Protein backbone atom coordinates (compact mmCIF):
# COMPACT_ATOMS: atom_id res chain seq x y z
CA MET A 1 -17.11 27.44 25.89
CA ALA A 2 -18.76 30.53 24.42
CA ASP A 3 -15.34 32.03 23.66
CA GLU A 4 -14.39 28.89 21.71
CA GLU A 5 -17.65 29.03 19.70
CA ASP A 6 -17.09 32.72 18.91
CA SER A 7 -13.53 32.07 17.75
CA THR A 8 -14.71 29.24 15.50
CA LYS A 9 -17.33 31.45 13.90
CA ARG A 10 -14.90 34.25 13.12
CA GLY A 11 -12.05 31.91 12.16
CA ILE A 12 -9.60 30.78 14.82
CA ARG A 13 -6.52 32.93 15.27
CA LEU A 14 -3.03 32.22 16.55
CA GLU A 15 -4.00 33.92 19.82
CA ASP A 16 -7.02 31.60 20.19
CA LEU A 17 -4.82 28.53 19.78
CA ALA A 18 -2.41 29.90 22.35
CA GLU A 19 -5.25 30.36 24.84
CA LEU A 20 -6.60 26.85 24.19
CA ALA A 21 -3.13 25.31 24.55
CA GLN A 22 -2.29 27.56 27.52
CA VAL A 23 0.98 28.67 25.97
CA SER A 24 2.26 31.88 24.40
CA THR A 25 1.51 32.87 20.80
CA ALA A 26 5.24 32.62 20.11
CA THR A 27 5.20 28.97 21.24
CA VAL A 28 2.23 28.23 19.00
CA SER A 29 3.96 29.85 16.04
CA ARG A 30 7.14 27.89 16.67
CA ALA A 31 5.22 24.64 17.08
CA LEU A 32 3.34 25.09 13.81
CA ASN A 33 6.69 25.64 12.10
CA ASP A 34 8.21 22.55 13.77
CA SER A 35 10.78 24.52 15.75
CA ARG A 36 13.26 22.53 17.83
CA LEU A 37 12.70 25.02 20.63
CA VAL A 38 9.30 23.41 21.36
CA ARG A 39 8.99 20.00 23.04
CA ASN A 40 7.45 17.25 20.90
CA GLU A 41 4.64 16.70 23.40
CA THR A 42 3.68 20.37 23.19
CA LYS A 43 3.90 20.33 19.38
CA ARG A 44 1.53 17.37 19.13
CA ARG A 45 -0.96 19.05 21.45
CA ILE A 46 -0.90 22.26 19.40
CA TRP A 47 -1.12 20.43 16.06
CA LYS A 48 -4.11 18.48 17.35
CA LEU A 49 -5.86 21.69 18.43
CA ALA A 50 -5.05 23.31 15.08
CA ARG A 51 -6.65 20.41 13.20
CA GLN A 52 -9.68 20.32 15.49
CA HIS A 53 -10.34 24.02 14.99
CA GLN A 54 -9.43 24.01 11.29
CA TYR A 55 -6.54 26.43 11.70
CA PRO A 56 -4.76 26.45 8.30
CA PHE A 57 -1.12 25.50 8.63
CA ARG A 58 1.40 23.58 6.59
CA PRO A 59 4.80 22.07 7.39
CA GLN A 60 7.79 24.44 7.04
CA MET A 61 5.72 27.33 5.65
CA PRO A 62 3.52 30.09 7.15
CA ALA A 63 -0.15 29.41 6.55
CA ILE A 64 -0.64 32.67 4.65
CA LEU A 65 1.63 31.38 1.85
CA SER A 66 -0.09 28.01 1.54
CA GLY A 67 -2.70 27.43 -1.14
CA ALA A 68 -3.06 23.73 -0.31
CA VAL A 69 -6.44 22.43 0.79
CA ALA A 70 -4.81 19.82 3.04
CA THR A 71 -1.63 17.89 3.70
CA ILE A 72 -1.49 14.11 3.29
CA ALA A 73 1.20 11.83 4.66
CA ILE A 74 2.24 8.47 3.18
CA ALA A 75 3.77 5.69 5.27
CA ILE A 76 5.11 2.35 4.03
CA PRO A 77 5.21 -0.56 6.50
CA ALA A 78 8.52 -2.41 6.73
CA GLY A 79 9.07 -5.06 4.07
CA ASN A 80 7.34 -3.24 1.19
CA ARG A 81 9.87 -0.53 0.36
CA ALA A 82 11.97 -2.57 -2.08
CA ASP A 83 9.06 -3.33 -4.42
CA PRO A 84 8.82 -0.92 -7.41
CA PHE A 85 5.03 -1.33 -7.28
CA PHE A 86 4.90 0.88 -4.21
CA MET A 87 7.01 3.54 -5.90
CA GLU A 88 4.52 3.64 -8.76
CA LEU A 89 1.60 3.66 -6.33
CA ILE A 90 3.15 6.68 -4.60
CA GLY A 91 3.16 8.33 -8.02
CA GLY A 92 -0.56 7.60 -8.38
CA VAL A 93 -1.28 9.06 -4.95
CA GLY A 94 0.90 12.08 -5.72
CA GLU A 95 -0.99 12.87 -8.92
CA ALA A 96 -4.33 12.46 -7.15
CA ALA A 97 -3.14 14.75 -4.34
CA ARG A 98 -2.10 17.38 -6.89
CA GLU A 99 -5.52 17.24 -8.55
CA ALA A 100 -7.15 17.64 -5.12
CA GLU A 101 -4.83 20.59 -4.34
CA CYS A 102 -3.26 18.73 -1.44
CA ASP A 103 0.34 18.73 -0.30
CA LEU A 104 2.01 15.32 0.04
CA ILE A 105 4.70 14.29 2.51
CA ILE A 106 6.37 10.88 2.75
CA SER A 107 7.13 9.58 6.22
CA HIS A 108 10.45 7.85 6.81
CA VAL A 109 8.92 5.91 9.70
CA ALA A 110 8.28 2.22 8.97
CA PRO A 111 5.55 1.32 11.50
CA ARG A 112 5.97 -2.10 13.10
CA ASN A 113 3.39 -2.10 15.90
CA PHE A 114 0.34 -0.29 17.29
CA ASP A 115 2.42 2.30 19.16
CA ASP A 116 4.25 3.19 15.93
CA LEU A 117 0.93 3.64 14.10
CA SER A 118 -0.60 5.75 16.87
CA GLU A 119 2.52 7.89 17.25
CA LEU A 120 2.76 8.48 13.51
CA ILE A 121 -0.76 9.89 13.32
CA SER A 122 -0.72 11.85 16.57
CA SER A 123 2.66 13.47 15.85
CA SER A 124 1.96 14.37 12.22
CA ARG A 125 0.70 17.76 11.14
CA ALA A 126 -0.93 16.10 8.13
CA GLU A 127 -4.70 15.86 8.01
CA GLY A 128 -4.42 12.12 7.52
CA VAL A 129 -2.14 9.19 6.64
CA ILE A 130 -2.22 6.68 3.78
CA PHE A 131 -0.51 3.42 4.71
CA LEU A 132 0.75 1.57 1.65
CA GLY A 133 0.45 -2.08 2.67
CA GLN A 134 -0.97 -4.04 5.57
CA SER A 135 1.96 -6.40 6.11
CA PHE A 136 1.37 -7.94 9.57
CA LEU A 137 -0.41 -4.83 10.90
CA HIS A 138 -4.06 -5.78 10.26
CA GLU A 139 -5.04 -6.23 13.92
CA ARG A 140 -3.07 -3.09 14.84
CA PHE A 141 -5.01 -1.12 12.22
CA ASN A 142 -8.24 -2.46 13.74
CA ARG A 143 -7.14 -1.17 17.16
CA LEU A 144 -6.21 2.17 15.68
CA ALA A 145 -9.62 2.49 14.00
CA ALA A 146 -11.25 2.44 17.44
CA ILE A 147 -9.60 5.75 18.36
CA GLU A 148 -8.67 7.35 15.03
CA SER A 149 -10.41 7.72 11.66
CA ARG A 150 -7.84 9.78 9.75
CA PHE A 151 -6.15 6.96 7.86
CA VAL A 152 -6.68 4.69 4.85
CA VAL A 153 -4.77 1.52 3.96
CA TRP A 154 -3.75 0.08 0.61
CA GLY A 155 -4.40 -3.62 1.06
CA ALA A 156 -6.85 -6.48 1.24
CA ASP A 157 -10.41 -6.45 2.59
CA LEU A 158 -10.28 -8.93 5.48
CA PRO A 159 -12.90 -10.55 7.76
CA GLY A 160 -13.71 -8.37 10.76
CA GLN A 161 -11.95 -5.35 9.26
CA LYS A 162 -12.81 -2.08 11.02
CA TYR A 163 -10.81 0.34 8.87
CA CYS A 164 -11.05 1.48 5.26
CA SER A 165 -8.81 -0.17 2.68
CA VAL A 166 -8.42 0.15 -1.06
CA GLY A 167 -6.88 -2.65 -3.12
CA SER A 168 -7.29 -4.89 -6.12
CA ASP A 169 -9.52 -7.95 -6.35
CA ASN A 170 -6.67 -10.26 -5.38
CA ILE A 171 -8.63 -13.51 -5.49
CA ARG A 172 -9.95 -12.88 -8.97
CA GLY A 173 -6.53 -11.69 -10.13
CA GLY A 174 -4.85 -14.82 -8.82
CA ARG A 175 -7.48 -17.04 -10.39
CA ARG A 176 -7.17 -15.23 -13.72
CA ALA A 177 -3.37 -15.55 -13.84
CA THR A 178 -3.47 -19.27 -13.01
CA ALA A 179 -6.35 -20.04 -15.36
CA HIS A 180 -4.40 -18.45 -18.21
CA LEU A 181 -1.44 -20.75 -17.55
CA ILE A 182 -3.77 -23.75 -17.43
CA ARG A 183 -5.27 -22.78 -20.80
CA LEU A 184 -1.73 -22.88 -22.20
CA GLY A 185 -1.48 -26.52 -21.15
CA ARG A 186 0.58 -25.98 -18.00
CA LYS A 187 -0.22 -28.46 -15.25
CA ARG A 188 2.59 -28.12 -12.70
CA ILE A 189 2.21 -24.45 -11.76
CA ALA A 190 4.36 -23.16 -8.90
CA PHE A 191 3.20 -20.30 -6.67
CA PHE A 192 5.87 -17.82 -5.54
CA GLY A 193 4.92 -15.54 -2.66
CA ASP A 194 4.71 -15.21 1.13
CA THR A 195 1.20 -16.33 2.06
CA GLU A 196 1.60 -14.74 5.51
CA GLU A 197 0.91 -11.42 3.77
CA PRO A 198 -2.89 -10.76 3.53
CA GLU A 199 -2.91 -9.72 -0.15
CA ILE A 200 -0.61 -12.57 -1.17
CA MET A 201 -2.79 -15.06 0.67
CA GLN A 202 -5.77 -13.89 -1.35
CA ARG A 203 -3.82 -14.26 -4.62
CA TYR A 204 -2.87 -17.76 -3.49
CA SER A 205 -6.55 -18.51 -2.82
CA GLY A 206 -7.33 -17.50 -6.41
CA TYR A 207 -4.50 -19.76 -7.61
CA VAL A 208 -5.97 -22.71 -5.70
CA GLN A 209 -9.48 -21.99 -7.01
CA ALA A 210 -8.27 -22.02 -10.62
CA LEU A 211 -6.47 -25.34 -10.09
CA GLU A 212 -9.52 -26.93 -8.50
CA GLU A 213 -11.80 -25.68 -11.26
CA ALA A 214 -9.49 -27.34 -13.79
CA GLY A 215 -9.36 -30.60 -11.83
CA LEU A 216 -5.69 -30.10 -10.88
CA GLU A 217 -4.20 -30.80 -7.47
CA ALA A 218 -2.89 -27.90 -5.38
CA ASP A 219 0.50 -29.39 -4.51
CA THR A 220 2.13 -27.76 -1.46
CA ASN A 221 5.53 -28.77 -2.85
CA LEU A 222 4.93 -26.19 -5.59
CA VAL A 223 4.54 -23.30 -3.13
CA ALA A 224 7.69 -21.22 -2.63
CA PRO A 225 7.28 -18.75 0.30
CA VAL A 226 9.48 -16.00 -1.16
CA HIS A 227 9.55 -12.31 -0.24
CA PHE A 228 9.26 -9.17 -2.39
CA GLU A 229 12.87 -9.45 -3.50
CA VAL A 230 14.54 -10.60 -6.72
CA GLU A 231 17.12 -12.60 -4.76
CA SER A 232 14.44 -14.35 -2.72
CA ALA A 233 12.63 -15.44 -5.88
CA GLU A 234 15.91 -16.69 -7.38
CA GLU A 235 16.46 -18.76 -4.25
CA GLY A 236 12.91 -20.13 -4.62
CA VAL A 237 13.82 -21.48 -8.06
CA GLU A 238 17.01 -22.96 -6.63
CA ARG A 239 15.07 -24.77 -3.89
CA LEU A 240 12.52 -26.28 -6.27
CA LEU A 241 15.24 -27.53 -8.60
CA ALA A 242 17.38 -28.87 -5.72
CA GLN A 243 14.37 -30.80 -4.39
CA GLY A 244 13.73 -32.28 -7.82
CA THR A 245 10.26 -30.71 -7.94
CA GLU A 246 8.89 -30.70 -11.47
CA PHE A 247 7.15 -27.53 -12.65
CA ASP A 248 6.28 -26.02 -16.01
CA ALA A 249 4.98 -22.61 -14.92
CA ILE A 250 5.37 -20.02 -12.16
CA PHE A 251 2.79 -17.56 -10.90
CA GLY A 252 4.69 -14.82 -9.07
CA ALA A 253 2.62 -12.91 -6.50
CA SER A 254 4.28 -9.68 -7.68
CA ASP A 255 6.17 -8.59 -10.77
CA LEU A 256 9.37 -8.26 -8.76
CA ILE A 257 9.02 -11.89 -7.65
CA ALA A 258 8.22 -13.04 -11.20
CA LEU A 259 11.25 -11.21 -12.63
CA GLY A 260 13.47 -12.75 -9.96
CA ALA A 261 12.10 -16.18 -10.85
CA ILE A 262 12.95 -15.61 -14.52
CA ARG A 263 16.52 -14.71 -13.54
CA GLY A 264 16.76 -17.92 -11.53
CA LEU A 265 15.47 -19.99 -14.45
CA LEU A 266 17.84 -18.40 -16.94
CA ARG A 267 20.80 -19.07 -14.65
CA HIS A 268 19.97 -22.77 -15.01
CA ASN A 269 19.66 -22.49 -18.79
CA MET A 270 15.88 -22.99 -18.64
CA ARG A 271 14.00 -21.19 -21.39
CA VAL A 272 11.13 -18.81 -20.70
CA PRO A 273 8.45 -19.47 -21.88
CA GLU A 274 9.43 -22.65 -23.77
CA ASP A 275 10.38 -24.64 -20.66
CA VAL A 276 8.59 -22.61 -17.98
CA SER A 277 5.85 -20.00 -18.43
CA VAL A 278 5.87 -17.10 -15.97
CA VAL A 279 3.11 -14.67 -14.95
CA GLY A 280 3.47 -11.81 -12.46
CA TYR A 281 1.13 -9.41 -10.67
CA ASP A 282 1.08 -5.56 -10.68
CA ASP A 283 2.16 -4.52 -14.22
CA VAL A 284 4.96 -2.21 -13.10
CA LEU A 285 6.81 -0.31 -15.80
CA LEU A 286 9.78 -2.68 -15.59
CA ALA A 287 7.56 -5.62 -16.60
CA ARG A 288 7.03 -4.16 -20.06
CA TYR A 289 10.74 -3.79 -20.78
CA SER A 290 12.12 -7.00 -19.27
CA HIS A 291 13.34 -9.80 -21.53
CA PRO A 292 11.16 -11.63 -22.12
CA ALA A 293 8.44 -9.04 -21.47
CA LEU A 294 6.39 -10.14 -18.49
CA THR A 295 2.79 -11.35 -18.69
CA THR A 296 1.08 -9.97 -15.60
CA ILE A 297 -2.08 -8.93 -13.79
CA SER A 298 -2.59 -5.18 -14.05
CA GLN A 299 -3.75 -2.90 -11.24
CA ASP A 300 -4.95 0.62 -12.07
CA MET A 301 -2.59 2.69 -9.91
CA ALA A 302 -3.97 6.03 -11.10
CA LYS A 303 -7.46 5.03 -9.95
CA ALA A 304 -6.00 3.57 -6.77
CA GLY A 305 -4.37 6.92 -5.99
CA ARG A 306 -7.61 8.82 -6.56
CA LEU A 307 -9.59 6.45 -4.31
CA LEU A 308 -7.03 6.56 -1.50
CA VAL A 309 -6.93 10.36 -1.52
CA SER A 310 -10.69 10.87 -1.80
CA LYS A 311 -11.48 8.38 0.98
CA LEU A 312 -8.88 9.92 3.26
CA MET A 313 -10.24 13.42 2.64
CA ASN A 314 -13.72 12.18 3.62
CA SER A 315 -12.54 10.24 6.68
CA ASN A 316 -13.30 13.03 9.16
CA GLY A 317 -17.01 13.01 8.39
CA THR A 318 -19.76 11.13 10.18
CA GLN A 319 -20.51 8.84 7.23
CA GLU A 320 -18.81 5.44 7.19
CA ILE A 321 -16.04 5.19 4.59
CA ARG A 322 -16.25 1.80 2.90
CA SER A 323 -13.42 -0.29 1.55
CA GLU A 324 -13.22 -0.72 -2.19
CA ARG A 325 -11.77 -3.30 -4.62
CA LEU A 326 -10.28 -2.42 -7.99
CA PRO A 327 -10.80 -4.67 -11.03
CA THR A 328 -7.81 -6.55 -12.44
CA GLU A 329 -6.81 -7.22 -16.04
CA LEU A 330 -4.61 -9.90 -17.59
CA ILE A 331 -1.85 -8.34 -19.70
CA VAL A 332 -0.42 -10.97 -22.05
CA ARG A 333 3.22 -10.58 -23.11
CA GLU A 334 6.11 -12.88 -23.99
CA SER A 335 6.87 -14.68 -20.73
CA CYS A 336 3.92 -17.08 -20.84
CA GLY A 337 4.12 -18.09 -24.51
CA ALA A 338 0.71 -16.83 -25.63
């Protein structure tokens, strides 16, 4: 024990790690450089010891050449990778990481269960992981939080949540988008989005609140459970029209969904916004250059990136890291008519 304390005081060396891991210094060196000559189990054990004792190392490069303060990994749960919002959010995280002098790596693993989450963190040489999206993993994140603190999630703040998340005020954003359509005189407003997703469910709750405040009925026939795909949103339009459901507006739970809905409307020679007003959510770059330009709810992705990075960098401390909501803003363009 005294030897470990002495090594920590003077700065842990490769030899100290080798002694702690009970392997040779050559094995430690190979493990820190991700050599195929070292078994994965041994690598994870050495990486964990290196993090615990603050030994400076960085993927694919000797520590002496690295000026980075830390390395951050990004993981995207399955189902979110097709949405351009997440690509822009990665850009926000990347800029924040650069400002914090951190390296950034993107994991190709799409975690689907608790074992995937646990394996991703334990096998990564990064100091922590940012998960972009909760998907169906909320309870798995809660389990992970009981044994691991080195992660932050982009997503909703949910009842009983035990982990730190950063996300927009989805309920207020959904209410604001719907209230704007109501002010334009729209009364049959369809909601496009998969309410099984936590963030989308909150946007739907805001949609319902706005309808109720205006004395309008929340008609379940106007809810199209589409995914984050253009084609899925187009099919949602097809279904509503095939069922003979009357609607004069669509609130898409993401810009990608809203743009897909516009494509579906135009295919049926329906005019946007004259026949149907459309509002999205996210304000991705594509929304500004679509035709018609998309009215949407904006999220500050630069601020989101800074919050995700700063909270992750503080996640190893003893102080509780609290979740945080970002404000939303209505960006009015051509697709709603005013």
